[in-house]
Each structure stands twice: as C-alpha cells, then as structure tokens.
Amino acid sequence: TAFSGCSGLTSITIPNSVTSIGNSAFSYC
C-alpha cells in the first residue's frame, strides 16, 4: 500500500532496481 489512494497520480516509472511490488502498492490510483 505504498502509494495506495494516490488518486492524482497519472504516471509512474518503476526503475530497473525494483525486485518486488507489494500488496495493494498502487491500489485506487
């Protein structure tokens, strides 16, 4: 849920270093 509910977020770039994306990380964006 790192960015959960960030309803104004239109785009995001996930870099090549990231190995895991958590539960509900971007839910309700």
PDB file of all heavy atoms in Angstrom:
ATOM      1  N   THR A   1       0.814  -1.229   0.000  1.00  0.00           N
ATOM      2  CA  THR A   1       0.000   0.000   0.000  1.00  0.00           C
ATOM      3  C   THR A   1       0.846   1.277   0.000  1.00  0.00           C
ATOM      4  O   THR A   1       0.419   2.323   0.489  1.00  0.00           O
ATOM      5  CB  THR A   1      -0.990   0.031   1.197  1.00  0.00           C
ATOM      6  OG1 THR A   1      -0.258   0.069   2.428  1.00  0.00           O
ATOM      7  CG2 THR A   1      -1.898  -1.184   1.206  1.00  0.00           C
ATOM      8  N   ALA A   2       2.049   1.195  -0.559  1.00  0.00           N
ATOM      9  CA  ALA A   2       2.977   2.336  -0.524  1.00  0.00           C
ATOM     10  C   ALA A   2       2.368   3.604  -1.120  1.00  0.00           C
ATOM     11  O   ALA A   2       2.561   4.707  -0.594  1.00  0.00           O
ATOM     12  CB  ALA A   2       4.270   1.986  -1.249  1.00  0.00           C
ATOM     13  N   PHE A   3       1.627   3.455  -2.241  1.00  0.00           N
ATOM     14  CA  PHE A   3       1.013   4.611  -2.897  1.00  0.00           C
ATOM     15  C   PHE A   3      -0.501   4.421  -3.032  1.00  0.00           C
ATOM     16  O   PHE A   3      -1.138   5.055  -3.866  1.00  0.00           O
ATOM     17  CB  PHE A   3       1.647   4.828  -4.282  1.00  0.00           C
ATOM     18  CG  PHE A   3       3.116   5.149  -4.219  1.00  0.00           C
ATOM     19  CD1 PHE A   3       4.060   4.143  -4.377  1.00  0.00           C
ATOM     20  CD2 PHE A   3       3.563   6.433  -3.983  1.00  0.00           C
ATOM     21  CE1 PHE A   3       5.424   4.423  -4.316  1.00  0.00           C
ATOM     22  CE2 PHE A   3       4.917   6.726  -3.922  1.00  0.00           C
ATOM     23  CZ  PHE A   3       5.848   5.724  -4.080  1.00  0.00           C
ATOM     24  N   SER A   4      -1.062   3.588  -2.215  1.00  0.00           N
ATOM     25  CA  SER A   4      -2.499   3.330  -2.278  1.00  0.00           C
ATOM     26  C   SER A   4      -3.297   4.611  -2.035  1.00  0.00           C
ATOM     27  O   SER A   4      -2.984   5.392  -1.134  1.00  0.00           O
ATOM     28  CB  SER A   4      -2.881   2.295  -1.216  1.00  0.00           C
ATOM     29  OG  SER A   4      -4.276   2.080  -1.217  1.00  0.00           O
ATOM     30  N   GLY A   5      -4.298   4.839  -2.881  1.00  0.00           N
ATOM     31  CA  GLY A   5      -5.147   6.009  -2.704  1.00  0.00           C
ATOM     32  C   GLY A   5      -4.554   7.309  -3.198  1.00  0.00           C
ATOM     33  O   GLY A   5      -5.087   8.383  -2.906  1.00  0.00           O
ATOM     34  N   CYS A   6      -3.444   7.219  -3.950  1.00  0.00           N
ATOM     35  CA  CYS A   6      -2.870   8.437  -4.556  1.00  0.00           C
ATOM     36  C   CYS A   6      -3.648   8.705  -5.845  1.00  0.00           C
ATOM     37  O   CYS A   6      -3.166   8.439  -6.960  1.00  0.00           O
ATOM     38  CB  CYS A   6      -1.375   8.253  -4.830  1.00  0.00           C
ATOM     39  SG  CYS A   6      -0.375   8.138  -3.339  1.00  0.00           S
ATOM     40  N   SER A   7      -4.841   9.228  -5.686  1.00  0.00           N
ATOM     41  CA  SER A   7      -5.785   9.339  -6.800  1.00  0.00           C
ATOM     42  C   SER A   7      -5.380  10.365  -7.845  1.00  0.00           C
ATOM     43  O   SER A   7      -5.923  10.368  -8.957  1.00  0.00           O
ATOM     44  CB  SER A   7      -7.187   9.666  -6.266  1.00  0.00           C
ATOM     45  OG  SER A   7      -7.150  10.830  -5.457  1.00  0.00           O
ATOM     46  N   GLY A   8      -4.438  11.263  -7.531  1.00  0.00           N
ATOM     47  CA  GLY A   8      -3.989  12.260  -8.501  1.00  0.00           C
ATOM     48  C   GLY A   8      -2.800  11.810  -9.319  1.00  0.00           C
ATOM     49  O   GLY A   8      -2.390  12.490 -10.268  1.00  0.00           O
ATOM     50  N   LEU A   9      -2.248  10.659  -9.018  1.00  0.00           N
ATOM     51  CA  LEU A   9      -1.049  10.168  -9.700  1.00  0.00           C
ATOM     52  C   LEU A   9      -1.422   9.657 -11.088  1.00  0.00           C
ATOM     53  O   LEU A   9      -2.222   8.727 -11.235  1.00  0.00           O
ATOM     54  CB  LEU A   9      -0.432   9.040  -8.870  1.00  0.00           C
ATOM     55  CG  LEU A   9       1.025   8.650  -9.128  1.00  0.00           C
ATOM     56  CD1 LEU A   9       1.946   9.833  -8.841  1.00  0.00           C
ATOM     57  CD2 LEU A   9       1.403   7.469  -8.240  1.00  0.00           C
ATOM     58  N   THR A  10      -0.862  10.276 -12.137  1.00  0.00           N
ATOM     59  CA  THR A  10      -1.234   9.917 -13.505  1.00  0.00           C
ATOM     60  C   THR A  10      -0.244   8.946 -14.144  1.00  0.00           C
ATOM     61  O   THR A  10      -0.614   8.149 -15.009  1.00  0.00           O
ATOM     62  CB  THR A  10      -1.329  11.174 -14.393  1.00  0.00           C
ATOM     63  OG1 THR A  10      -0.089  11.883 -14.335  1.00  0.00           O
ATOM     64  CG2 THR A  10      -2.453  12.079 -13.905  1.00  0.00           C
ATOM     65  N   SER A  11       1.012   9.029 -13.752  1.00  0.00           N
ATOM     66  CA  SER A  11       2.009   8.118 -14.320  1.00  0.00           C
ATOM     67  C   SER A  11       3.097   7.856 -13.294  1.00  0.00           C
ATOM     68  O   SER A  11       3.323   8.654 -12.382  1.00  0.00           O
ATOM     69  CB  SER A  11       2.623   8.710 -15.600  1.00  0.00           C
ATOM     70  OG  SER A  11       3.337   9.894 -15.293  1.00  0.00           O
ATOM     71  N   ILE A  12       3.765   6.754 -13.477  1.00  0.00           N
ATOM     72  CA  ILE A  12       4.852   6.411 -12.581  1.00  0.00           C
ATOM     73  C   ILE A  12       5.851   5.549 -13.329  1.00  0.00           C
ATOM     74  O   ILE A  12       5.467   4.702 -14.159  1.00  0.00           O
ATOM     75  CB  ILE A  12       4.336   5.685 -11.321  1.00  0.00           C
ATOM     76  CG1 ILE A  12       5.455   5.545 -10.287  1.00  0.00           C
ATOM     77  CG2 ILE A  12       3.749   4.329 -11.650  1.00  0.00           C
ATOM     78  CD1 ILE A  12       4.950   5.218  -8.908  1.00  0.00           C
ATOM     79  N   THR A  13       7.131   5.794 -13.072  1.00  0.00           N
ATOM     80  CA  THR A  13       8.196   4.989 -13.672  1.00  0.00           C
ATOM     81  C   THR A  13       8.843   4.145 -12.584  1.00  0.00           C
ATOM     82  O   THR A  13       9.377   4.677 -11.606  1.00  0.00           O
ATOM     83  CB  THR A  13       9.264   5.881 -14.329  1.00  0.00           C
ATOM     84  OG1 THR A  13       8.645   6.666 -15.348  1.00  0.00           O
ATOM     85  CG2 THR A  13      10.368   5.029 -14.945  1.00  0.00           C
ATOM     86  N   ILE A  14       8.757   2.853 -12.773  1.00  0.00           N
ATOM     87  CA  ILE A  14       9.362   1.934 -11.809  1.00  0.00           C
ATOM     88  C   ILE A  14      10.745   1.578 -12.338  1.00  0.00           C
ATOM     89  O   ILE A  14      10.872   1.025 -13.440  1.00  0.00           O
ATOM     90  CB  ILE A  14       8.493   0.676 -11.632  1.00  0.00           C
ATOM     91  CG1 ILE A  14       7.104   1.086 -11.124  1.00  0.00           C
ATOM     92  CG2 ILE A  14       9.154  -0.305 -10.669  1.00  0.00           C
ATOM     93  CD1 ILE A  14       6.107  -0.052 -11.069  1.00  0.00           C
ATOM     94  N   PRO A  15      11.805   1.884 -11.604  1.00  0.00           N
ATOM     95  CA  PRO A  15      13.158   1.655 -12.116  1.00  0.00           C
ATOM     96  C   PRO A  15      13.551   0.178 -12.145  1.00  0.00           C
ATOM     97  O   PRO A  15      12.914  -0.664 -11.505  1.00  0.00           O
ATOM     98  CB  PRO A  15      14.032   2.434 -11.131  1.00  0.00           C
ATOM     99  CG  PRO A  15      13.262   2.431  -9.869  1.00  0.00           C
ATOM    100  CD  PRO A  15      11.816   2.513 -10.262  1.00  0.00           C
ATOM    101  N   ASN A  16      14.631  -0.114 -12.885  1.00  0.00           N
ATOM    102  CA  ASN A  16      15.107  -1.496 -13.053  1.00  0.00           C
ATOM    103  C   ASN A  16      15.645  -2.124 -11.774  1.00  0.00           C
ATOM    104  O   ASN A  16      15.874  -3.317 -11.714  1.00  0.00           O
ATOM    105  CB  ASN A  16      16.215  -1.543 -14.119  1.00  0.00           C
ATOM    106  CG  ASN A  16      15.643  -1.410 -15.520  1.00  0.00           C
ATOM    107  OD1 ASN A  16      14.590  -1.961 -15.816  1.00  0.00           O
ATOM    108  ND2 ASN A  16      16.316  -0.633 -16.368  1.00  0.00           N
ATOM    109  N   SER A  17      15.830  -1.322 -10.755  1.00  0.00           N
ATOM    110  CA  SER A  17      16.360  -1.845  -9.493  1.00  0.00           C
ATOM    111  C   SER A  17      15.305  -2.562  -8.659  1.00  0.00           C
ATOM    112  O   SER A  17      15.630  -3.399  -7.807  1.00  0.00           O
ATOM    113  CB  SER A  17      16.943  -0.691  -8.665  1.00  0.00           C
ATOM    114  OG  SER A  17      15.966   0.324  -8.475  1.00  0.00           O
ATOM    115  N   VAL A  18      14.040  -2.252  -8.885  1.00  0.00           N
ATOM    116  CA  VAL A  18      12.952  -2.810  -8.067  1.00  0.00           C
ATOM    117  C   VAL A  18      12.754  -4.284  -8.377  1.00  0.00           C
ATOM    118  O   VAL A  18      12.625  -4.684  -9.538  1.00  0.00           O
ATOM    119  CB  VAL A  18      11.638  -2.034  -8.297  1.00  0.00           C
ATOM    120  CG1 VAL A  18      10.465  -2.711  -7.584  1.00  0.00           C
ATOM    121  CG2 VAL A  18      11.779  -0.595  -7.827  1.00  0.00           C
ATOM    122  N   THR A  19      12.739  -5.094  -7.313  1.00  0.00           N
ATOM    123  CA  THR A  19      12.542  -6.545  -7.478  1.00  0.00           C
ATOM    124  C   THR A  19      11.160  -6.997  -7.026  1.00  0.00           C
ATOM    125  O   THR A  19      10.696  -8.059  -7.435  1.00  0.00           O
ATOM    126  CB  THR A  19      13.607  -7.335  -6.694  1.00  0.00           C
ATOM    127  OG1 THR A  19      13.530  -6.978  -5.302  1.00  0.00           O
ATOM    128  CG2 THR A  19      15.006  -7.025  -7.219  1.00  0.00           C
ATOM    129  N   SER A  20      10.494  -6.214  -6.165  1.00  0.00           N
ATOM    130  CA  SER A  20       9.158  -6.625  -5.706  1.00  0.00           C
ATOM    131  C   SER A  20       8.252  -5.418  -5.519  1.00  0.00           C
ATOM    132  O   SER A  20       8.696  -4.349  -5.100  1.00  0.00           O
ATOM    133  CB  SER A  20       9.252  -7.399  -4.387  1.00  0.00           C
ATOM    134  OG  SER A  20       9.752  -6.584  -3.345  1.00  0.00           O
ATOM    135  N   ILE A  21       7.005  -5.617  -5.874  1.00  0.00           N
ATOM    136  CA  ILE A  21       5.959  -4.609  -5.687  1.00  0.00           C
ATOM    137  C   ILE A  21       4.961  -5.186  -4.699  1.00  0.00           C
ATOM    138  O   ILE A  21       4.388  -6.256  -4.918  1.00  0.00           O
ATOM    139  CB  ILE A  21       5.270  -4.268  -7.020  1.00  0.00           C
ATOM    140  CG1 ILE A  21       6.291  -3.681  -8.009  1.00  0.00           C
ATOM    141  CG2 ILE A  21       4.126  -3.283  -6.807  1.00  0.00           C
ATOM    142  CD1 ILE A  21       5.749  -3.471  -9.415  1.00  0.00           C
ATOM    143  N   GLY A  22       4.754  -4.504  -3.604  1.00  0.00           N
ATOM    144  CA  GLY A  22       3.966  -5.032  -2.505  1.00  0.00           C
ATOM    145  C   GLY A  22       2.482  -5.086  -2.752  1.00  0.00           C
ATOM    146  O   GLY A  22       1.954  -4.551  -3.737  1.00  0.00           O
ATOM    147  N   ASN A  23       1.781  -5.730  -1.845  1.00  0.00           N
ATOM    148  CA  ASN A  23       0.326  -5.845  -1.892  1.00  0.00           C
ATOM    149  C   ASN A  23      -0.328  -4.464  -1.920  1.00  0.00           C
ATOM    150  O   ASN A  23       0.039  -3.584  -1.139  1.00  0.00           O
ATOM    151  CB  ASN A  23      -0.195  -6.608  -0.678  1.00  0.00           C
ATOM    152  CG  ASN A  23       0.405  -7.987  -0.544  1.00  0.00           C
ATOM    153  OD1 ASN A  23       0.773  -8.601  -1.542  1.00  0.00           O
ATOM    154  ND2 ASN A  23       0.498  -8.488   0.672  1.00  0.00           N
ATOM    155  N   SER A  24      -1.267  -4.282  -2.828  1.00  0.00           N
ATOM    156  CA  SER A  24      -2.034  -3.028  -2.931  1.00  0.00           C
ATOM    157  C   SER A  24      -1.151  -1.792  -3.072  1.00  0.00           C
ATOM    158  O   SER A  24      -1.548  -0.682  -2.708  1.00  0.00           O
ATOM    159  CB  SER A  24      -2.955  -2.861  -1.709  1.00  0.00           C
ATOM    160  OG  SER A  24      -3.846  -3.940  -1.581  1.00  0.00           O
ATOM    161  N   ALA A  25       0.053  -1.975  -3.602  1.00  0.00           N
ATOM    162  CA  ALA A  25       1.024  -0.879  -3.670  1.00  0.00           C
ATOM    163  C   ALA A  25       0.474   0.350  -4.373  1.00  0.00           C
ATOM    164  O   ALA A  25       0.730   1.486  -3.961  1.00  0.00           O
ATOM    165  CB  ALA A  25       2.300  -1.353  -4.358  1.00  0.00           C
ATOM    166  N   PHE A  26      -0.286   0.140  -5.475  1.00  0.00           N
ATOM    167  CA  PHE A  26      -0.841   1.260  -6.233  1.00  0.00           C
ATOM    168  C   PHE A  26      -2.369   1.171  -6.315  1.00  0.00           C
ATOM    169  O   PHE A  26      -2.977   1.716  -7.233  1.00  0.00           O
ATOM    170  CB  PHE A  26      -0.239   1.289  -7.641  1.00  0.00           C
ATOM    171  CG  PHE A  26       1.254   1.506  -7.658  1.00  0.00           C
ATOM    172  CD1 PHE A  26       2.121   0.432  -7.729  1.00  0.00           C
ATOM    173  CD2 PHE A  26       1.783   2.779  -7.566  1.00  0.00           C
ATOM    174  CE1 PHE A  26       3.494   0.617  -7.724  1.00  0.00           C
ATOM    175  CE2 PHE A  26       3.155   2.972  -7.567  1.00  0.00           C
ATOM    176  CZ  PHE A  26       4.019   1.903  -7.640  1.00  0.00           C
ATOM    177  N   SER A  27      -2.977   0.507  -5.361  1.00  0.00           N
ATOM    178  CA  SER A  27      -4.431   0.348  -5.404  1.00  0.00           C
ATOM    179  C   SER A  27      -5.130   1.701  -5.295  1.00  0.00           C
ATOM    180  O   SER A  27      -4.668   2.601  -4.599  1.00  0.00           O
ATOM    181  CB  SER A  27      -4.896  -0.566  -4.266  1.00  0.00           C
ATOM    182  OG  SER A  27      -4.603  -0.004  -3.011  1.00  0.00           O
ATOM    183  N   TYR A  28      -6.198   1.832  -6.063  1.00  0.00           N
ATOM    184  CA  TYR A  28      -7.032   3.041  -6.070  1.00  0.00           C
ATOM    185  C   TYR A  28      -6.266   4.304  -6.485  1.00  0.00           C
ATOM    186  O   TYR A  28      -6.596   5.407  -6.053  1.00  0.00           O
ATOM    187  CB  TYR A  28      -7.726   3.243  -4.712  1.00  0.00           C
ATOM    188  CG  TYR A  28      -8.659   2.102  -4.402  1.00  0.00           C
ATOM    189  CD1 TYR A  28      -8.284   1.095  -3.527  1.00  0.00           C
ATOM    190  CD2 TYR A  28      -9.902   2.017  -5.035  1.00  0.00           C
ATOM    191  CE1 TYR A  28      -9.115   0.023  -3.276  1.00  0.00           C
ATOM    192  CE2 TYR A  28     -10.754   0.945  -4.793  1.00  0.00           C
ATOM    193  CZ  TYR A  28     -10.347  -0.048  -3.914  1.00  0.00           C
ATOM    194  OH  TYR A  28     -11.182  -1.116  -3.677  1.00  0.00           O
ATOM    195  N   CYS A  29      -5.258   4.109  -7.334  1.00  0.00           N
ATOM    196  CA  CYS A  29      -4.641   5.252  -8.021  1.00  0.00           C
ATOM    197  C   CYS A  29      -5.492   5.470  -9.265  1.00  0.00           C
ATOM    198  O   CYS A  29      -5.142   5.040 -10.375  1.00  0.00           O
ATOM    199  CB  CYS A  29      -3.178   4.954  -8.376  1.00  0.00           C
ATOM    200  SG  CYS A  29      -2.087   4.886  -6.937  1.00  0.00           S
TER     201      CYS A  29
END
